[in-house]
């Protein structure tokens, strides 16, 4: 996250509570996301999704301290849906297939509307992730 303070720069950092930090890091790195070692420690792991998007995996007790609220039971409630827009239908399938192979669960049936293609999965802690590709005039 170098140059975070440069004028006009905005980066998105999504904080997600996790039960087992090492297991979650292994899951997400198997999807191809990188771990930012300098911003990771024994209670959180910073994943690089893209140049401007990061996910901070935070162990549940620390997350509750930060949020000052209890963590919802993801088996019963959705607290967030993280969506990733990717550059091709093949990339959608690649990411979701990797997630399922690493222990994630399918969240919904694929959504294929021709111009829009998406699939979704739940990570090891029940957070829902949608991965989609939307064709535009420039990419279709």
C-alpha atoms as a PDB file:
ATOM      1  CA  UNK A   1       0.000   0.000   0.000  1.00  0.00           C
ATOM      2  CA  UNK A   2       2.766   2.398  -0.883  1.00  0.00           C
ATOM      3  CA  UNK A   3       1.812   5.984  -1.689  1.00  0.00           C
ATOM      4  CA  UNK A   4      -1.486   5.675   0.183  1.00  0.00           C
ATOM      5  CA  UNK A   5      -1.332   9.380   1.007  1.00  0.00           C
ATOM      6  CA  UNK A   6      -0.740  10.679  -2.531  1.00  0.00           C
ATOM      7  CA  UNK A   7      -3.241  13.350  -3.447  1.00  0.00           C
ATOM      8  CA  UNK A   8      -6.320  11.998  -5.178  1.00  0.00           C
ATOM      9  CA  UNK A   9      -5.485   8.382  -4.422  1.00  0.00           C
ATOM     10  CA  UNK A  10      -8.154   6.153  -2.921  1.00  0.00           C
ATOM     11  CA  UNK A  11      -7.606   2.513  -2.114  1.00  0.00           C
ATOM     12  CA  UNK A  12     -10.257   0.146  -0.857  1.00  0.00           C
ATOM     13  CA  UNK A  13      -9.399  -2.010   2.154  1.00  0.00           C
ATOM     14  CA  UNK A  14     -12.140  -4.468   3.113  1.00  0.00           C
ATOM     15  CA  UNK A  15     -11.849  -5.891   6.642  1.00  0.00           C
ATOM     16  CA  UNK A  16     -13.237  -9.395   7.099  1.00  0.00           C
ATOM     17  CA  UNK A  17     -13.374 -11.393  10.326  1.00  0.00           C
ATOM     18  CA  UNK A  18     -11.869 -14.895  10.171  1.00  0.00           C
ATOM     19  CA  UNK A  19     -11.771 -17.785  12.592  1.00  0.00           C
ATOM     20  CA  UNK A  20      -8.405 -19.229  11.520  1.00  0.00           C
ATOM     21  CA  UNK A  21      -6.051 -16.655  10.008  1.00  0.00           C
ATOM     22  CA  UNK A  22      -3.500 -19.072   8.561  1.00  0.00           C
ATOM     23  CA  UNK A  23      -6.195 -21.258   7.001  1.00  0.00           C
ATOM     24  CA  UNK A  24      -7.867 -18.200   5.447  1.00  0.00           C
ATOM     25  CA  UNK A  25      -4.567 -16.851   4.105  1.00  0.00           C
ATOM     26  CA  UNK A  26      -3.855 -20.224   2.510  1.00  0.00           C
ATOM     27  CA  UNK A  27      -7.351 -20.234   0.960  1.00  0.00           C
ATOM     28  CA  UNK A  28      -7.028 -16.770  -0.567  1.00  0.00           C
ATOM     29  CA  UNK A  29      -3.445 -17.161  -1.760  1.00  0.00           C
ATOM     30  CA  UNK A  30      -4.581 -20.320  -3.580  1.00  0.00           C
ATOM     31  CA  UNK A  31      -6.901 -18.007  -5.561  1.00  0.00           C
ATOM     32  CA  UNK A  32      -3.855 -16.064  -6.703  1.00  0.00           C
ATOM     33  CA  UNK A  33      -4.087 -13.147  -4.278  1.00  0.00           C
ATOM     34  CA  UNK A  34      -0.798 -12.006  -2.753  1.00  0.00           C
ATOM     35  CA  UNK A  35      -0.058 -11.548   0.938  1.00  0.00           C
ATOM     36  CA  UNK A  36       1.387  -8.155   1.862  1.00  0.00           C
ATOM     37  CA  UNK A  37       3.862  -9.336   4.520  1.00  0.00           C
ATOM     38  CA  UNK A  38       4.737  -5.897   5.969  1.00  0.00           C
ATOM     39  CA  UNK A  39       1.051  -5.249   6.730  1.00  0.00           C
ATOM     40  CA  UNK A  40       0.402  -8.715   8.169  1.00  0.00           C
ATOM     41  CA  UNK A  41       0.963 -10.066  11.673  1.00  0.00           C
ATOM     42  CA  UNK A  42      -0.367 -12.753  14.020  1.00  0.00           C
ATOM     43  CA  UNK A  43      -3.873 -11.193  14.161  1.00  0.00           C
ATOM     44  CA  UNK A  44      -4.348  -9.975  10.582  1.00  0.00           C
ATOM     45  CA  UNK A  45      -3.280 -10.727   7.047  1.00  0.00           C
ATOM     46  CA  UNK A  46      -3.363  -8.154   4.272  1.00  0.00           C
ATOM     47  CA  UNK A  47      -4.238  -9.607   0.869  1.00  0.00           C
ATOM     48  CA  UNK A  48      -3.575  -7.738  -2.346  1.00  0.00           C
ATOM     49  CA  UNK A  49      -6.515  -8.193  -4.718  1.00  0.00           C
ATOM     50  CA  UNK A  50      -5.416  -5.485  -7.169  1.00  0.00           C
ATOM     51  CA  UNK A  51      -3.344  -2.297  -7.142  1.00  0.00           C
ATOM     52  CA  UNK A  52      -6.142  -0.426  -5.385  1.00  0.00           C
ATOM     53  CA  UNK A  53      -8.054  -3.173  -3.555  1.00  0.00           C
ATOM     54  CA  UNK A  54      -6.971  -5.020  -0.431  1.00  0.00           C
ATOM     55  CA  UNK A  55      -8.671  -7.386   1.985  1.00  0.00           C
ATOM     56  CA  UNK A  56      -7.548  -7.359   5.591  1.00  0.00           C
ATOM     57  CA  UNK A  57      -8.344 -10.691   7.226  1.00  0.00           C
ATOM     58  CA  UNK A  58      -8.720 -10.029  10.950  1.00  0.00           C
ATOM     59  CA  UNK A  59      -9.082 -12.703  13.630  1.00  0.00           C
ATOM     60  CA  UNK A  60     -12.562 -12.556  15.126  1.00  0.00           C
ATOM     61  CA  UNK A  61     -11.711 -11.302  18.654  1.00  0.00           C
ATOM     62  CA  UNK A  62      -9.709  -8.397  17.229  1.00  0.00           C
ATOM     63  CA  UNK A  63     -12.373  -7.647  14.619  1.00  0.00           C
ATOM     64  CA  UNK A  64     -15.015  -7.391  17.363  1.00  0.00           C
ATOM     65  CA  UNK A  65     -12.786  -4.973  19.258  1.00  0.00           C
ATOM     66  CA  UNK A  66     -12.325  -2.817  16.151  1.00  0.00           C
ATOM     67  CA  UNK A  67     -15.976  -2.895  15.090  1.00  0.00           C
ATOM     68  CA  UNK A  68     -17.358  -2.672  18.631  1.00  0.00           C
ATOM     69  CA  UNK A  69     -20.050  -5.161  17.551  1.00  0.00           C
ATOM     70  CA  UNK A  70     -20.585  -8.875  17.519  1.00  0.00           C
ATOM     71  CA  UNK A  71     -19.843 -10.722  14.299  1.00  0.00           C
ATOM     72  CA  UNK A  72     -22.985 -12.040  12.601  1.00  0.00           C
ATOM     73  CA  UNK A  73     -23.345 -15.777  12.115  1.00  0.00           C
ATOM     74  CA  UNK A  74     -22.622 -16.095   8.392  1.00  0.00           C
ATOM     75  CA  UNK A  75     -24.560 -19.367   8.271  1.00  0.00           C
ATOM     76  CA  UNK A  76     -27.700 -17.319   9.018  1.00  0.00           C
ATOM     77  CA  UNK A  77     -26.895 -13.745   7.985  1.00  0.00           C
ATOM     78  CA  UNK A  78     -25.017 -11.894   5.248  1.00  0.00           C
ATOM     79  CA  UNK A  79     -22.989  -8.965   6.501  1.00  0.00           C
ATOM     80  CA  UNK A  80     -21.380  -8.220   3.138  1.00  0.00           C
ATOM     81  CA  UNK A  81     -21.108  -9.459  -0.433  1.00  0.00           C
ATOM     82  CA  UNK A  82     -17.706  -8.762  -1.942  1.00  0.00           C
ATOM     83  CA  UNK A  83     -17.891  -8.510  -5.727  1.00  0.00           C
ATOM     84  CA  UNK A  84     -14.931  -8.738  -8.055  1.00  0.00           C
ATOM     85  CA  UNK A  85     -15.254  -7.495 -11.625  1.00  0.00           C
ATOM     86  CA  UNK A  86     -12.825  -9.373 -13.858  1.00  0.00           C
ATOM     87  CA  UNK A  87     -11.769  -9.078 -17.487  1.00  0.00           C
ATOM     88  CA  UNK A  88     -13.230 -12.298 -18.920  1.00  0.00           C
ATOM     89  CA  UNK A  89     -15.686 -15.126 -18.434  1.00  0.00           C
ATOM     90  CA  UNK A  90     -12.698 -17.472 -18.215  1.00  0.00           C
ATOM     91  CA  UNK A  91     -11.309 -15.469 -15.281  1.00  0.00           C
ATOM     92  CA  UNK A  92     -14.703 -15.784 -13.536  1.00  0.00           C
ATOM     93  CA  UNK A  93     -14.562 -19.556 -13.871  1.00  0.00           C
ATOM     94  CA  UNK A  94     -10.888 -19.733 -12.890  1.00  0.00           C
ATOM     95  CA  UNK A  95     -11.338 -17.777  -9.641  1.00  0.00           C
ATOM     96  CA  UNK A  96     -14.505 -19.574  -8.578  1.00  0.00           C
ATOM     97  CA  UNK A  97     -13.142 -23.011  -9.486  1.00  0.00           C
ATOM     98  CA  UNK A  98     -10.005 -22.287  -7.418  1.00  0.00           C
ATOM     99  CA  UNK A  99     -12.173 -21.183  -4.487  1.00  0.00           C
ATOM    100  CA  UNK A 100     -14.249 -24.367  -4.644  1.00  0.00           C
ATOM    101  CA  UNK A 101     -11.130 -26.547  -4.941  1.00  0.00           C
ATOM    102  CA  UNK A 102      -9.660 -24.805  -1.860  1.00  0.00           C
ATOM    103  CA  UNK A 103     -12.700 -25.590   0.298  1.00  0.00           C
ATOM    104  CA  UNK A 104     -15.097 -22.764  -0.515  1.00  0.00           C
ATOM    105  CA  UNK A 105     -18.768 -23.481  -1.146  1.00  0.00           C
ATOM    106  CA  UNK A 106     -20.911 -22.514  -4.128  1.00  0.00           C
ATOM    107  CA  UNK A 107     -23.247 -19.684  -3.118  1.00  0.00           C
ATOM    108  CA  UNK A 108     -25.602 -19.516  -6.133  1.00  0.00           C
ATOM    109  CA  UNK A 109     -26.114 -20.981  -9.564  1.00  0.00           C
ATOM    110  CA  UNK A 110     -24.126 -19.226 -12.301  1.00  0.00           C
ATOM    111  CA  UNK A 111     -25.766 -16.112 -13.741  1.00  0.00           C
ATOM    112  CA  UNK A 112     -25.368 -16.005 -17.514  1.00  0.00           C
ATOM    113  CA  UNK A 113     -27.206 -13.177 -19.247  1.00  0.00           C
ATOM    114  CA  UNK A 114     -24.972 -13.135 -22.303  1.00  0.00           C
ATOM    115  CA  UNK A 115     -23.486  -9.687 -21.740  1.00  0.00           C
ATOM    116  CA  UNK A 116     -23.113 -10.423 -18.007  1.00  0.00           C
ATOM    117  CA  UNK A 117     -21.672 -13.610 -16.565  1.00  0.00           C
ATOM    118  CA  UNK A 118     -21.172 -14.258 -12.887  1.00  0.00           C
ATOM    119  CA  UNK A 119     -20.635 -16.947 -10.315  1.00  0.00           C
ATOM    120  CA  UNK A 120     -20.360 -16.821  -6.553  1.00  0.00           C
ATOM    121  CA  UNK A 121     -18.840 -18.679  -3.638  1.00  0.00           C
ATOM    122  CA  UNK A 122     -18.611 -18.563   0.127  1.00  0.00           C
ATOM    123  CA  UNK A 123     -15.128 -18.467   1.632  1.00  0.00           C
ATOM    124  CA  UNK A 124     -14.107 -20.592   4.628  1.00  0.00           C
ATOM    125  CA  UNK A 125     -15.803 -18.149   7.035  1.00  0.00           C
ATOM    126  CA  UNK A 126     -19.063 -17.914   5.072  1.00  0.00           C
ATOM    127  CA  UNK A 127     -18.414 -14.510   3.472  1.00  0.00           C
ATOM    128  CA  UNK A 128     -20.024 -14.348   0.031  1.00  0.00           C
ATOM    129  CA  UNK A 129     -17.915 -13.402  -2.963  1.00  0.00           C
ATOM    130  CA  UNK A 130     -19.346 -12.697  -6.409  1.00  0.00           C
ATOM    131  CA  UNK A 131     -17.114 -12.770  -9.444  1.00  0.00           C
ATOM    132  CA  UNK A 132     -18.473 -11.335 -12.676  1.00  0.00           C
ATOM    133  CA  UNK A 133     -17.601 -10.167 -16.164  1.00  0.00           C
ATOM    134  CA  UNK A 134     -19.724  -7.597 -17.952  1.00  0.00           C
ATOM    135  CA  UNK A 135     -19.092  -7.211 -21.668  1.00  0.00           C
ATOM    136  CA  UNK A 136     -19.051  -3.657 -22.921  1.00  0.00           C
ATOM    137  CA  UNK A 137     -19.014  -2.377 -26.474  1.00  0.00           C
ATOM    138  CA  UNK A 138     -15.216  -2.188 -26.170  1.00  0.00           C
ATOM    139  CA  UNK A 139     -14.790  -5.764 -24.877  1.00  0.00           C
ATOM    140  CA  UNK A 140     -17.611  -7.685 -26.532  1.00  0.00           C
END
